[in-house]
């Protein structure tokens, strides 16, 4: 009887040890998941900032193209005036 009781107690102690390791594993898994979520949120923030920079650069490029087109128009009108002046001369 004592032998059986001792083996039963040993089984209970091993079960308790396994039960204590389970919550530890769960807590580490939760920590890893929270770290992954934090990294994902940081990635989203970085991506949004890069998109904002790209949009501002595109707007600057479009304004530069508009300025260049107006400059070309002015240059073409100036050339036309010079050509008419040369033809008159």
N, C-alpha and C. Protein backbone atom coordinates (compact mmCIF):
# COMPACT_ATOMS: atom_id res chain seq x y z
N UNK A 1 0.82 -1.21 0.00
CA UNK A 1 0.00 0.00 0.00
C UNK A 1 0.85 1.26 0.00
N UNK A 2 1.89 1.24 0.81
CA UNK A 2 2.78 2.40 0.84
C UNK A 2 3.49 2.59 -0.49
N UNK A 3 3.87 1.47 -1.12
CA UNK A 3 4.55 1.57 -2.41
C UNK A 3 3.63 2.17 -3.45
N UNK A 4 2.38 1.70 -3.46
CA UNK A 4 1.42 2.25 -4.41
C UNK A 4 1.16 3.73 -4.15
N UNK A 5 1.05 4.10 -2.90
CA UNK A 5 0.84 5.50 -2.56
C UNK A 5 2.02 6.37 -2.96
N UNK A 6 3.22 5.86 -2.81
CA UNK A 6 4.40 6.65 -3.19
C UNK A 6 4.46 6.84 -4.70
N UNK A 7 4.13 5.79 -5.46
CA UNK A 7 4.11 5.93 -6.92
C UNK A 7 3.02 6.90 -7.36
N UNK A 8 1.88 6.87 -6.69
CA UNK A 8 0.81 7.83 -7.00
C UNK A 8 1.23 9.25 -6.72
N UNK A 9 1.91 9.46 -5.60
CA UNK A 9 2.40 10.80 -5.28
C UNK A 9 3.44 11.27 -6.29
N UNK A 10 4.28 10.34 -6.75
CA UNK A 10 5.27 10.70 -7.76
C UNK A 10 4.59 11.13 -9.05
N UNK A 11 3.53 10.39 -9.43
CA UNK A 11 2.80 10.77 -10.64
C UNK A 11 2.14 12.13 -10.49
N UNK A 12 1.57 12.39 -9.33
CA UNK A 12 0.93 13.69 -9.08
C UNK A 12 1.96 14.81 -9.13
N UNK A 13 3.15 14.58 -8.57
CA UNK A 13 4.19 15.61 -8.57
C UNK A 13 4.67 15.90 -9.99
N UNK A 14 4.83 14.84 -10.80
CA UNK A 14 5.23 15.06 -12.20
C UNK A 14 4.13 15.79 -12.96
N UNK A 15 2.88 15.45 -12.69
CA UNK A 15 1.77 16.17 -13.34
C UNK A 15 1.75 17.63 -12.95
N UNK A 16 2.02 17.93 -11.69
CA UNK A 16 2.06 19.33 -11.24
C UNK A 16 3.20 20.09 -11.91
N UNK A 17 4.35 19.43 -12.07
CA UNK A 17 5.47 20.09 -12.72
C UNK A 17 5.15 20.39 -14.18
N UNK A 18 4.51 19.44 -14.86
CA UNK A 18 4.11 19.68 -16.26
C UNK A 18 3.07 20.79 -16.35
N UNK A 19 2.16 20.82 -15.39
CA UNK A 19 1.15 21.88 -15.39
C UNK A 19 1.76 23.25 -15.16
N UNK A 20 2.83 23.33 -14.38
CA UNK A 20 3.47 24.62 -14.13
C UNK A 20 4.25 25.09 -15.36
N UNK A 21 4.81 24.17 -16.13
CA UNK A 21 5.55 24.57 -17.33
C UNK A 21 4.60 25.04 -18.43
N UNK A 22 3.37 24.55 -18.45
CA UNK A 22 2.41 24.98 -19.47
C UNK A 22 2.13 26.47 -19.45
N UNK A 23 1.78 27.06 -18.29
CA UNK A 23 1.57 28.52 -18.25
C UNK A 23 2.80 29.32 -18.63
N UNK A 24 3.99 28.81 -18.27
CA UNK A 24 5.22 29.52 -18.64
C UNK A 24 5.35 29.56 -20.16
N UNK A 25 5.09 28.43 -20.81
CA UNK A 25 5.16 28.40 -22.27
C UNK A 25 4.12 29.33 -22.89
N UNK A 26 2.93 29.35 -22.31
CA UNK A 26 1.90 30.25 -22.82
C UNK A 26 2.29 31.71 -22.67
N UNK A 27 2.91 32.06 -21.54
CA UNK A 27 3.31 33.46 -21.34
C UNK A 27 4.40 33.86 -22.31
N UNK A 28 5.34 32.95 -22.58
CA UNK A 28 6.39 33.27 -23.55
C UNK A 28 5.80 33.41 -24.95
N UNK A 29 4.82 32.57 -25.27
CA UNK A 29 4.15 32.70 -26.57
C UNK A 29 3.43 34.02 -26.71
N UNK A 30 2.77 34.45 -25.62
CA UNK A 30 2.08 35.74 -25.65
C UNK A 30 3.08 36.88 -25.81
N UNK A 31 4.22 36.78 -25.14
CA UNK A 31 5.24 37.82 -25.26
C UNK A 31 5.75 37.90 -26.70
N UNK A 32 6.01 36.73 -27.29
CA UNK A 32 6.48 36.72 -28.68
C UNK A 32 5.43 37.29 -29.62
N UNK A 33 4.15 36.97 -29.37
CA UNK A 33 3.09 37.52 -30.20
C UNK A 33 2.98 39.03 -30.08
N UNK A 34 3.12 39.55 -28.85
CA UNK A 34 3.05 41.00 -28.66
C UNK A 34 4.23 41.70 -29.33
N UNK A 35 5.41 41.07 -29.28
CA UNK A 35 6.56 41.64 -29.98
C UNK A 35 6.33 41.66 -31.48
N UNK A 36 5.74 40.59 -32.00
CA UNK A 36 5.44 40.55 -33.43
C UNK A 36 4.45 41.63 -33.84
N UNK A 37 3.44 41.85 -32.99
CA UNK A 37 2.47 42.90 -33.28
C UNK A 37 3.13 44.28 -33.24
N UNK A 38 4.01 44.49 -32.28
CA UNK A 38 4.71 45.78 -32.19
C UNK A 38 5.57 46.01 -33.43
N UNK A 39 6.27 44.95 -33.87
CA UNK A 39 7.08 45.09 -35.08
C UNK A 39 6.21 45.38 -36.30
N UNK A 40 5.05 44.72 -36.37
CA UNK A 40 4.14 44.97 -37.48
C UNK A 40 3.63 46.40 -37.49
N UNK A 41 3.30 46.93 -36.32
CA UNK A 41 2.82 48.31 -36.23
C UNK A 41 3.92 49.29 -36.61
N UNK A 42 5.15 49.01 -36.19
CA UNK A 42 6.27 49.87 -36.57
C UNK A 42 6.47 49.83 -38.09
N UNK A 43 6.33 48.64 -38.66
CA UNK A 43 6.46 48.53 -40.11
C UNK A 43 5.39 49.32 -40.83
N UNK A 44 4.16 49.31 -40.30
CA UNK A 44 3.09 50.08 -40.91
C UNK A 44 3.37 51.57 -40.82
N UNK A 45 3.89 52.02 -39.68
CA UNK A 45 4.22 53.44 -39.52
C UNK A 45 5.31 53.84 -40.50
N UNK A 46 6.36 53.01 -40.60
CA UNK A 46 7.45 53.31 -41.53
C UNK A 46 6.94 53.33 -42.97
N UNK A 47 6.08 52.39 -43.32
CA UNK A 47 5.54 52.35 -44.67
C UNK A 47 4.71 53.57 -44.99
N UNK A 48 3.91 54.03 -44.02
CA UNK A 48 3.08 55.21 -44.25
C UNK A 48 3.95 56.45 -44.41
N UNK A 49 5.03 56.54 -43.63
CA UNK A 49 5.93 57.69 -43.76
C UNK A 49 6.62 57.69 -45.11
N UNK A 50 7.01 56.50 -45.58
CA UNK A 50 7.64 56.40 -46.90
C UNK A 50 6.66 56.79 -47.99
N UNK A 51 5.40 56.36 -47.85
CA UNK A 51 4.38 56.73 -48.83
C UNK A 51 4.15 58.24 -48.83
N UNK A 52 4.15 58.85 -47.65
CA UNK A 52 3.96 60.30 -47.55
C UNK A 52 5.12 61.02 -48.23
N UNK A 53 6.35 60.53 -48.00
CA UNK A 53 7.50 61.15 -48.65
C UNK A 53 7.42 61.01 -50.15
N UNK A 54 7.00 59.84 -50.62
CA UNK A 54 6.86 59.64 -52.06
C UNK A 54 5.83 60.56 -52.67
N UNK A 55 4.71 60.78 -51.97
CA UNK A 55 3.67 61.66 -52.50
C UNK A 55 4.16 63.10 -52.55
N UNK A 56 4.90 63.54 -51.53
CA UNK A 56 5.44 64.90 -51.55
C UNK A 56 6.46 65.06 -52.68
N UNK A 57 7.29 64.03 -52.89
CA UNK A 57 8.25 64.10 -53.98
C UNK A 57 7.55 64.13 -55.33
N UNK A 58 6.46 63.37 -55.46
CA UNK A 58 5.69 63.40 -56.70
C UNK A 58 5.09 64.78 -56.94
N UNK A 59 4.58 65.41 -55.87
CA UNK A 59 4.01 66.75 -56.02
C UNK A 59 5.08 67.75 -56.41
N UNK A 60 6.28 67.63 -55.80
CA UNK A 60 7.37 68.52 -56.18
C UNK A 60 7.78 68.29 -57.63
N UNK A 61 7.81 67.03 -58.04
CA UNK A 61 8.15 66.74 -59.43
C UNK A 61 7.13 67.29 -60.40
N UNK A 62 5.84 67.22 -60.05
CA UNK A 62 4.80 67.75 -60.93
C UNK A 62 4.90 69.26 -61.04
N UNK A 63 5.20 69.94 -59.91
CA UNK A 63 5.38 71.39 -59.97
C UNK A 63 6.59 71.75 -60.81
N UNK A 64 7.66 70.96 -60.69
CA UNK A 64 8.84 71.20 -61.51
C UNK A 64 8.54 71.03 -62.99
N UNK A 65 7.75 70.01 -63.33
CA UNK A 65 7.38 69.81 -64.73
C UNK A 65 6.52 70.95 -65.23
N UNK A 66 5.62 71.45 -64.40
CA UNK A 66 4.78 72.58 -64.80
C UNK A 66 5.64 73.82 -65.06
N UNK A 67 6.61 74.06 -64.18
CA UNK A 67 7.51 75.19 -64.37
C UNK A 67 8.32 75.03 -65.66
N UNK A 68 8.78 73.80 -65.90
CA UNK A 68 9.53 73.56 -67.12
C UNK A 68 8.69 73.77 -68.36
N UNK A 69 7.43 73.38 -68.33
CA UNK A 69 6.56 73.56 -69.49
C UNK A 69 6.30 75.04 -69.74
N UNK A 70 6.10 75.82 -68.66
CA UNK A 70 5.90 77.26 -68.83
C UNK A 70 7.17 77.91 -69.37
N UNK A 71 8.33 77.45 -68.90
CA UNK A 71 9.58 77.98 -69.41
C UNK A 71 9.76 77.67 -70.89
N UNK A 72 9.38 76.47 -71.30
CA UNK A 72 9.45 76.11 -72.71
C UNK A 72 8.50 76.96 -73.54
N UNK A 73 7.32 77.23 -73.02
CA UNK A 73 6.37 78.07 -73.74
C UNK A 73 6.92 79.48 -73.91
N UNK A 74 7.52 80.02 -72.85
CA UNK A 74 8.10 81.35 -72.94
C UNK A 74 9.26 81.37 -73.94
N UNK A 75 10.08 80.32 -73.91
CA UNK A 75 11.18 80.26 -74.85
C UNK A 75 10.70 80.16 -76.29
N UNK A 76 9.63 79.42 -76.53
CA UNK A 76 9.11 79.30 -77.89
C UNK A 76 8.54 80.63 -78.38
N UNK A 77 7.86 81.37 -77.48
CA UNK A 77 7.34 82.68 -77.88
C UNK A 77 8.49 83.64 -78.16
N UNK A 78 9.55 83.57 -77.35
CA UNK A 78 10.71 84.42 -77.59
C UNK A 78 11.37 84.11 -78.92
N UNK A 79 11.47 82.84 -79.25
CA UNK A 79 12.04 82.45 -80.54
C UNK A 79 11.17 82.92 -81.69
N UNK A 80 9.86 82.84 -81.52
CA UNK A 80 8.96 83.30 -82.57
C UNK A 80 9.13 84.80 -82.79
N UNK A 81 9.25 85.56 -81.71
CA UNK A 81 9.45 87.01 -81.84
C UNK A 81 10.76 87.32 -82.55
N UNK A 82 11.81 86.57 -82.21
CA UNK A 82 13.10 86.80 -82.85
C UNK A 82 13.05 86.44 -84.33
N UNK A 83 12.36 85.36 -84.65
CA UNK A 83 12.26 84.97 -86.06
C UNK A 83 11.48 86.00 -86.85
N UNK A 84 10.42 86.57 -86.28
CA UNK A 84 9.66 87.61 -86.97
C UNK A 84 10.51 88.87 -87.13
N UNK A 85 11.29 89.19 -86.11
CA UNK A 85 12.17 90.36 -86.21
C UNK A 85 13.23 90.16 -87.28
N UNK A 86 13.77 88.95 -87.39
CA UNK A 86 14.76 88.67 -88.43
C UNK A 86 14.13 88.74 -89.81
N UNK A 87 12.91 88.25 -89.94
CA UNK A 87 12.26 88.28 -91.25
C UNK A 87 11.97 89.73 -91.65
N UNK A 88 11.62 90.56 -90.69
CA UNK A 88 11.37 91.97 -91.00
C UNK A 88 12.67 92.66 -91.41
N UNK A 89 13.75 92.29 -90.71
CA UNK A 89 15.02 92.90 -91.04
C UNK A 89 15.47 92.48 -92.42
